[in-house]
């Protein structure tokens, strides 16, 4: 019997296994604008050796960090391990439906910081696809490798040895011991209901 995933607080081993095992990632909503969060995340993941595919119908014919834009998931033409959704929570449902209609299902559907769609997540999980919501793979990778310590952030990983400064296409070890779950203050802030604000 499969254990139900708590989408409020992810176990580090769950995130670690995903980031270790996926090789190809299609980013839906990737932007060529170099001040957009999707640009930073895309560039970072390319530099860590992931096979990245930018999805944005308005950018077909252009490329992002040397990777040609594709109009939709069905236009990729090959299986992908993970779909990273850089769209709003309402749009996530249509992206999940498109992903589940692919000839080969992805292993993971990852929804970025602030993107939460419980119904879409349940549909994907019912099809056997792992789901992560309200997290950024760039942040989680940097945290679990302790690379994020280089910019003064507490990664909650335990090691007497500092993470190396990565070079191009260098995958760092995700197997560092960590304390507590994968919740982050940034994720908590992004998920906070605007109605709760004073």
C-alpha atoms as a PDB file:
ATOM      1  CA  UNK A   1       0.000   0.000   0.000  1.00  0.00           C
ATOM      2  CA  UNK A   2       1.401   3.378  -1.024  1.00  0.00           C
ATOM      3  CA  UNK A   3       1.884   5.957   1.712  1.00  0.00           C
ATOM      4  CA  UNK A   4      -0.019   9.218   1.175  1.00  0.00           C
ATOM      5  CA  UNK A   5       2.304  12.158   0.707  1.00  0.00           C
ATOM      6  CA  UNK A   6       1.886  15.125   3.040  1.00  0.00           C
ATOM      7  CA  UNK A   7       1.952  18.075   0.651  1.00  0.00           C
ATOM      8  CA  UNK A   8       2.350  20.562   3.487  1.00  0.00           C
ATOM      9  CA  UNK A   9       5.685  19.212   4.752  1.00  0.00           C
ATOM     10  CA  UNK A  10       7.743  16.998   2.448  1.00  0.00           C
ATOM     11  CA  UNK A  11      10.196  14.519   3.838  1.00  0.00           C
ATOM     12  CA  UNK A  12      13.693  15.374   2.642  1.00  0.00           C
ATOM     13  CA  UNK A  13      14.158  11.810   1.379  1.00  0.00           C
ATOM     14  CA  UNK A  14      11.123  12.197  -0.910  1.00  0.00           C
ATOM     15  CA  UNK A  15      12.545  15.380  -2.481  1.00  0.00           C
ATOM     16  CA  UNK A  16      16.070  13.944  -2.530  1.00  0.00           C
ATOM     17  CA  UNK A  17      14.954  10.812  -4.405  1.00  0.00           C
ATOM     18  CA  UNK A  18      13.140  12.891  -7.023  1.00  0.00           C
ATOM     19  CA  UNK A  19      16.052  15.255  -7.661  1.00  0.00           C
ATOM     20  CA  UNK A  20      18.489  12.332  -7.795  1.00  0.00           C
ATOM     21  CA  UNK A  21      16.481  10.161 -10.174  1.00  0.00           C
ATOM     22  CA  UNK A  22      15.073  12.622 -12.701  1.00  0.00           C
ATOM     23  CA  UNK A  23      17.269  13.483 -15.662  1.00  0.00           C
ATOM     24  CA  UNK A  24      14.940  15.386 -18.022  1.00  0.00           C
ATOM     25  CA  UNK A  25      12.676  18.249 -16.933  1.00  0.00           C
ATOM     26  CA  UNK A  26      10.091  20.094 -19.033  1.00  0.00           C
ATOM     27  CA  UNK A  27       9.458  23.550 -17.548  1.00  0.00           C
ATOM     28  CA  UNK A  28       5.989  24.806 -18.448  1.00  0.00           C
ATOM     29  CA  UNK A  29       5.973  28.605 -18.363  1.00  0.00           C
ATOM     30  CA  UNK A  30       9.724  29.061 -18.854  1.00  0.00           C
ATOM     31  CA  UNK A  31      10.603  32.659 -19.681  1.00  0.00           C
ATOM     32  CA  UNK A  32      13.514  34.050 -21.703  1.00  0.00           C
ATOM     33  CA  UNK A  33      13.380  37.258 -19.620  1.00  0.00           C
ATOM     34  CA  UNK A  34      16.483  37.099 -17.454  1.00  0.00           C
ATOM     35  CA  UNK A  35      14.895  38.712 -14.393  1.00  0.00           C
ATOM     36  CA  UNK A  36      12.029  36.205 -14.152  1.00  0.00           C
ATOM     37  CA  UNK A  37      12.186  33.416 -11.521  1.00  0.00           C
ATOM     38  CA  UNK A  38      11.595  30.758 -14.191  1.00  0.00           C
ATOM     39  CA  UNK A  39      14.696  31.968 -16.063  1.00  0.00           C
ATOM     40  CA  UNK A  40      16.855  31.676 -12.928  1.00  0.00           C
ATOM     41  CA  UNK A  41      15.498  28.231 -12.070  1.00  0.00           C
ATOM     42  CA  UNK A  42      15.893  26.978 -15.649  1.00  0.00           C
ATOM     43  CA  UNK A  43      19.480  28.264 -15.945  1.00  0.00           C
ATOM     44  CA  UNK A  44      20.426  26.808 -12.549  1.00  0.00           C
ATOM     45  CA  UNK A  45      19.053  23.354 -13.390  1.00  0.00           C
ATOM     46  CA  UNK A  46      20.806  23.363 -16.786  1.00  0.00           C
ATOM     47  CA  UNK A  47      24.059  24.193 -14.989  1.00  0.00           C
ATOM     48  CA  UNK A  48      23.499  21.247 -12.639  1.00  0.00           C
ATOM     49  CA  UNK A  49      23.317  18.835 -15.569  1.00  0.00           C
ATOM     50  CA  UNK A  50      19.566  18.367 -15.969  1.00  0.00           C
ATOM     51  CA  UNK A  51      18.222  17.936 -19.520  1.00  0.00           C
ATOM     52  CA  UNK A  52      15.912  20.964 -19.560  1.00  0.00           C
ATOM     53  CA  UNK A  53      13.108  21.626 -22.057  1.00  0.00           C
ATOM     54  CA  UNK A  54      11.478  25.090 -22.027  1.00  0.00           C
ATOM     55  CA  UNK A  55       7.729  25.066 -22.758  1.00  0.00           C
ATOM     56  CA  UNK A  56       6.171  28.367 -23.845  1.00  0.00           C
ATOM     57  CA  UNK A  57       3.994  28.647 -26.974  1.00  0.00           C
ATOM     58  CA  UNK A  58       4.759  32.357 -27.323  1.00  0.00           C
ATOM     59  CA  UNK A  59       8.504  31.688 -27.612  1.00  0.00           C
ATOM     60  CA  UNK A  60       8.602  28.876 -30.219  1.00  0.00           C
ATOM     61  CA  UNK A  61      11.458  29.514 -32.648  1.00  0.00           C
ATOM     62  CA  UNK A  62      13.621  31.006 -29.901  1.00  0.00           C
ATOM     63  CA  UNK A  63      15.812  29.288 -27.331  1.00  0.00           C
ATOM     64  CA  UNK A  64      16.605  29.555 -23.631  1.00  0.00           C
ATOM     65  CA  UNK A  65      20.193  28.883 -22.545  1.00  0.00           C
ATOM     66  CA  UNK A  66      20.704  27.063 -25.836  1.00  0.00           C
ATOM     67  CA  UNK A  67      17.572  24.917 -25.447  1.00  0.00           C
ATOM     68  CA  UNK A  68      14.848  25.439 -28.104  1.00  0.00           C
ATOM     69  CA  UNK A  69      11.402  26.440 -26.859  1.00  0.00           C
ATOM     70  CA  UNK A  70       8.583  23.949 -27.415  1.00  0.00           C
ATOM     71  CA  UNK A  71       4.927  24.966 -27.690  1.00  0.00           C
ATOM     72  CA  UNK A  72       3.375  22.266 -25.492  1.00  0.00           C
ATOM     73  CA  UNK A  73       4.155  19.047 -23.669  1.00  0.00           C
ATOM     74  CA  UNK A  74       2.823  16.939 -26.552  1.00  0.00           C
ATOM     75  CA  UNK A  75       5.249  18.698 -28.928  1.00  0.00           C
ATOM     76  CA  UNK A  76       8.344  17.479 -27.039  1.00  0.00           C
ATOM     77  CA  UNK A  77       8.289  14.182 -28.937  1.00  0.00           C
ATOM     78  CA  UNK A  78      10.056  12.116 -26.291  1.00  0.00           C
ATOM     79  CA  UNK A  79       9.449  11.015 -22.707  1.00  0.00           C
ATOM     80  CA  UNK A  80      10.412  13.356 -19.864  1.00  0.00           C
ATOM     81  CA  UNK A  81      11.007  12.448 -16.241  1.00  0.00           C
ATOM     82  CA  UNK A  82       9.548  15.562 -14.629  1.00  0.00           C
ATOM     83  CA  UNK A  83       7.221  18.424 -15.511  1.00  0.00           C
ATOM     84  CA  UNK A  84       7.916  21.643 -13.597  1.00  0.00           C
ATOM     85  CA  UNK A  85       4.870  23.938 -13.613  1.00  0.00           C
ATOM     86  CA  UNK A  86       5.735  27.644 -13.587  1.00  0.00           C
ATOM     87  CA  UNK A  87       2.123  28.760 -14.061  1.00  0.00           C
ATOM     88  CA  UNK A  88      -0.530  29.805 -11.541  1.00  0.00           C
ATOM     89  CA  UNK A  89      -2.496  27.327  -9.431  1.00  0.00           C
ATOM     90  CA  UNK A  90      -5.580  27.457 -11.680  1.00  0.00           C
ATOM     91  CA  UNK A  91      -3.519  26.705 -14.799  1.00  0.00           C
ATOM     92  CA  UNK A  92      -1.893  23.678 -13.132  1.00  0.00           C
ATOM     93  CA  UNK A  93      -4.997  21.558 -13.744  1.00  0.00           C
ATOM     94  CA  UNK A  94      -4.783  21.865 -17.540  1.00  0.00           C
ATOM     95  CA  UNK A  95      -1.032  21.159 -17.459  1.00  0.00           C
ATOM     96  CA  UNK A  96      -1.606  18.002 -15.410  1.00  0.00           C
ATOM     97  CA  UNK A  97      -4.344  16.878 -17.816  1.00  0.00           C
ATOM     98  CA  UNK A  98      -1.964  17.382 -20.753  1.00  0.00           C
ATOM     99  CA  UNK A  99       0.803  15.494 -18.924  1.00  0.00           C
ATOM    100  CA  UNK A 100      -1.499  12.553 -18.159  1.00  0.00           C
ATOM    101  CA  UNK A 101      -2.480  12.359 -21.850  1.00  0.00           C
ATOM    102  CA  UNK A 102       1.152  11.875 -22.963  1.00  0.00           C
ATOM    103  CA  UNK A 103       2.083   8.443 -24.407  1.00  0.00           C
ATOM    104  CA  UNK A 104       4.678   8.017 -21.617  1.00  0.00           C
ATOM    105  CA  UNK A 105       3.732   9.486 -18.242  1.00  0.00           C
ATOM    106  CA  UNK A 106       6.284  11.609 -16.407  1.00  0.00           C
ATOM    107  CA  UNK A 107       7.582  10.259 -13.095  1.00  0.00           C
ATOM    108  CA  UNK A 108       6.983  13.581 -11.332  1.00  0.00           C
ATOM    109  CA  UNK A 109       4.832  16.680 -11.601  1.00  0.00           C
ATOM    110  CA  UNK A 110       6.393  19.550  -9.663  1.00  0.00           C
ATOM    111  CA  UNK A 111       4.467  22.759  -8.969  1.00  0.00           C
ATOM    112  CA  UNK A 112       6.568  25.825  -8.212  1.00  0.00           C
ATOM    113  CA  UNK A 113       6.469  28.090  -5.146  1.00  0.00           C
ATOM    114  CA  UNK A 114       2.952  29.426  -4.660  1.00  0.00           C
ATOM    115  CA  UNK A 115       1.405  26.839  -7.002  1.00  0.00           C
ATOM    116  CA  UNK A 116      -1.002  24.519  -5.191  1.00  0.00           C
ATOM    117  CA  UNK A 117      -3.792  22.556  -6.848  1.00  0.00           C
ATOM    118  CA  UNK A 118      -5.027  19.678  -4.692  1.00  0.00           C
ATOM    119  CA  UNK A 119      -7.418  18.292  -7.327  1.00  0.00           C
ATOM    120  CA  UNK A 120      -4.709  18.219 -10.011  1.00  0.00           C
ATOM    121  CA  UNK A 121      -2.274  16.618  -7.553  1.00  0.00           C
ATOM    122  CA  UNK A 122      -4.798  13.921  -6.626  1.00  0.00           C
ATOM    123  CA  UNK A 123      -5.438  13.168 -10.306  1.00  0.00           C
ATOM    124  CA  UNK A 124      -1.698  12.817 -11.005  1.00  0.00           C
ATOM    125  CA  UNK A 125      -1.114  10.639  -7.950  1.00  0.00           C
ATOM    126  CA  UNK A 126      -4.049   8.406  -8.904  1.00  0.00           C
ATOM    127  CA  UNK A 127      -2.223   7.822 -12.218  1.00  0.00           C
ATOM    128  CA  UNK A 128       0.954   6.825 -10.339  1.00  0.00           C
ATOM    129  CA  UNK A 129       2.822  10.111 -10.816  1.00  0.00           C
ATOM    130  CA  UNK A 130       4.655  11.654  -7.834  1.00  0.00           C
ATOM    131  CA  UNK A 131       3.704  15.232  -7.013  1.00  0.00           C
ATOM    132  CA  UNK A 132       5.439  18.147  -5.314  1.00  0.00           C
ATOM    133  CA  UNK A 133       3.590  21.426  -4.739  1.00  0.00           C
ATOM    134  CA  UNK A 134       4.663  24.865  -3.543  1.00  0.00           C
ATOM    135  CA  UNK A 135       8.387  24.149  -3.797  1.00  0.00           C
ATOM    136  CA  UNK A 136      11.177  25.166  -6.174  1.00  0.00           C
ATOM    137  CA  UNK A 137      13.543  22.437  -7.415  1.00  0.00           C
ATOM    138  CA  UNK A 138      16.359  25.018  -7.600  1.00  0.00           C
ATOM    139  CA  UNK A 139      15.945  25.910  -3.918  1.00  0.00           C
ATOM    140  CA  UNK A 140      15.494  22.299  -2.818  1.00  0.00           C
ATOM    141  CA  UNK A 141      18.555  21.147  -4.786  1.00  0.00           C
ATOM    142  CA  UNK A 142      20.696  23.937  -3.313  1.00  0.00           C
ATOM    143  CA  UNK A 143      19.400  23.195   0.188  1.00  0.00           C
ATOM    144  CA  UNK A 144      19.932  19.421   0.050  1.00  0.00           C
ATOM    145  CA  UNK A 145      23.431  19.742  -1.425  1.00  0.00           C
ATOM    146  CA  UNK A 146      24.307  22.491   1.106  1.00  0.00           C
ATOM    147  CA  UNK A 147      25.258  24.668  -1.871  1.00  0.00           C
ATOM    148  CA  UNK A 148      22.867  27.301  -0.552  1.00  0.00           C
ATOM    149  CA  UNK A 149      25.248  27.822   2.390  1.00  0.00           C
ATOM    150  CA  UNK A 150      27.566  29.708   0.023  1.00  0.00           C
ATOM    151  CA  UNK A 151      25.091  32.604   0.084  1.00  0.00           C
ATOM    152  CA  UNK A 152      24.649  32.490   3.855  1.00  0.00           C
ATOM    153  CA  UNK A 153      21.417  30.488   4.075  1.00  0.00           C
ATOM    154  CA  UNK A 154      21.029  27.735   6.676  1.00  0.00           C
ATOM    155  CA  UNK A 155      20.457  24.582   4.618  1.00  0.00           C
ATOM    156  CA  UNK A 156      19.602  22.394   7.635  1.00  0.00           C
ATOM    157  CA  UNK A 157      22.050  19.827   6.257  1.00  0.00           C
ATOM    158  CA  UNK A 158      24.644  18.398   8.594  1.00  0.00           C
ATOM    159  CA  UNK A 159      28.212  18.024   7.415  1.00  0.00           C
ATOM    160  CA  UNK A 160      31.673  18.959   8.630  1.00  0.00           C
ATOM    161  CA  UNK A 161      32.599  19.540   5.005  1.00  0.00           C
ATOM    162  CA  UNK A 162      31.364  22.522   3.045  1.00  0.00           C
ATOM    163  CA  UNK A 163      29.690  21.853  -0.295  1.00  0.00           C
ATOM    164  CA  UNK A 164      31.997  22.500  -3.258  1.00  0.00           C
ATOM    165  CA  UNK A 165      31.372  25.447  -5.539  1.00  0.00           C
ATOM    166  CA  UNK A 166      29.879  23.709  -8.581  1.00  0.00           C
ATOM    167  CA  UNK A 167      31.232  24.082 -12.073  1.00  0.00           C
ATOM    168  CA  UNK A 168      29.153  23.882 -15.264  1.00  0.00           C
ATOM    169  CA  UNK A 169      27.060  20.674 -15.541  1.00  0.00           C
ATOM    170  CA  UNK A 170      28.298  19.499 -12.134  1.00  0.00           C
ATOM    171  CA  UNK A 171      25.846  17.463 -10.104  1.00  0.00           C
ATOM    172  CA  UNK A 172      26.435  17.807  -6.366  1.00  0.00           C
ATOM    173  CA  UNK A 173      25.693  15.059  -3.877  1.00  0.00           C
ATOM    174  CA  UNK A 174      22.140  15.178  -2.569  1.00  0.00           C
ATOM    175  CA  UNK A 175      22.987  12.599   0.107  1.00  0.00           C
ATOM    176  CA  UNK A 176      23.838  14.945   2.971  1.00  0.00           C
ATOM    177  CA  UNK A 177      22.132  14.343   6.294  1.00  0.00           C
ATOM    178  CA  UNK A 178      19.466  16.898   7.080  1.00  0.00           C
ATOM    179  CA  UNK A 179      17.353  17.926  10.034  1.00  0.00           C
ATOM    180  CA  UNK A 180      13.562  18.341   9.963  1.00  0.00           C
ATOM    181  CA  UNK A 181      11.379  18.247   6.855  1.00  0.00           C
ATOM    182  CA  UNK A 182      11.551  20.167   3.636  1.00  0.00           C
ATOM    183  CA  UNK A 183       9.351  23.076   4.676  1.00  0.00           C
ATOM    184  CA  UNK A 184      10.913  26.468   4.052  1.00  0.00           C
ATOM    185  CA  UNK A 185       9.945  29.964   5.137  1.00  0.00           C
ATOM    186  CA  UNK A 186       9.776  31.001   1.464  1.00  0.00           C
ATOM    187  CA  UNK A 187       7.341  28.193   0.698  1.00  0.00           C
ATOM    188  CA  UNK A 188       5.238  29.090   3.720  1.00  0.00           C
ATOM    189  CA  UNK A 189       5.082  32.746   2.663  1.00  0.00           C
ATOM    190  CA  UNK A 190       4.241  31.893  -0.945  1.00  0.00           C
ATOM    191  CA  UNK A 191       1.384  29.624   0.130  1.00  0.00           C
ATOM    192  CA  UNK A 192      -0.095  32.062   2.652  1.00  0.00           C
ATOM    193  CA  UNK A 193      -3.627  33.016   1.706  1.00  0.00           C
ATOM    194  CA  UNK A 194      -3.833  36.687   0.793  1.00  0.00           C
ATOM    195  CA  UNK A 195      -6.997  36.912   2.923  1.00  0.00           C
ATOM    196  CA  UNK A 196      -4.912  36.141   6.015  1.00  0.00           C
ATOM    197  CA  UNK A 197      -2.801  39.242   5.550  1.00  0.00           C
ATOM    198  CA  UNK A 198      -3.571  42.174   7.873  1.00  0.00           C
END
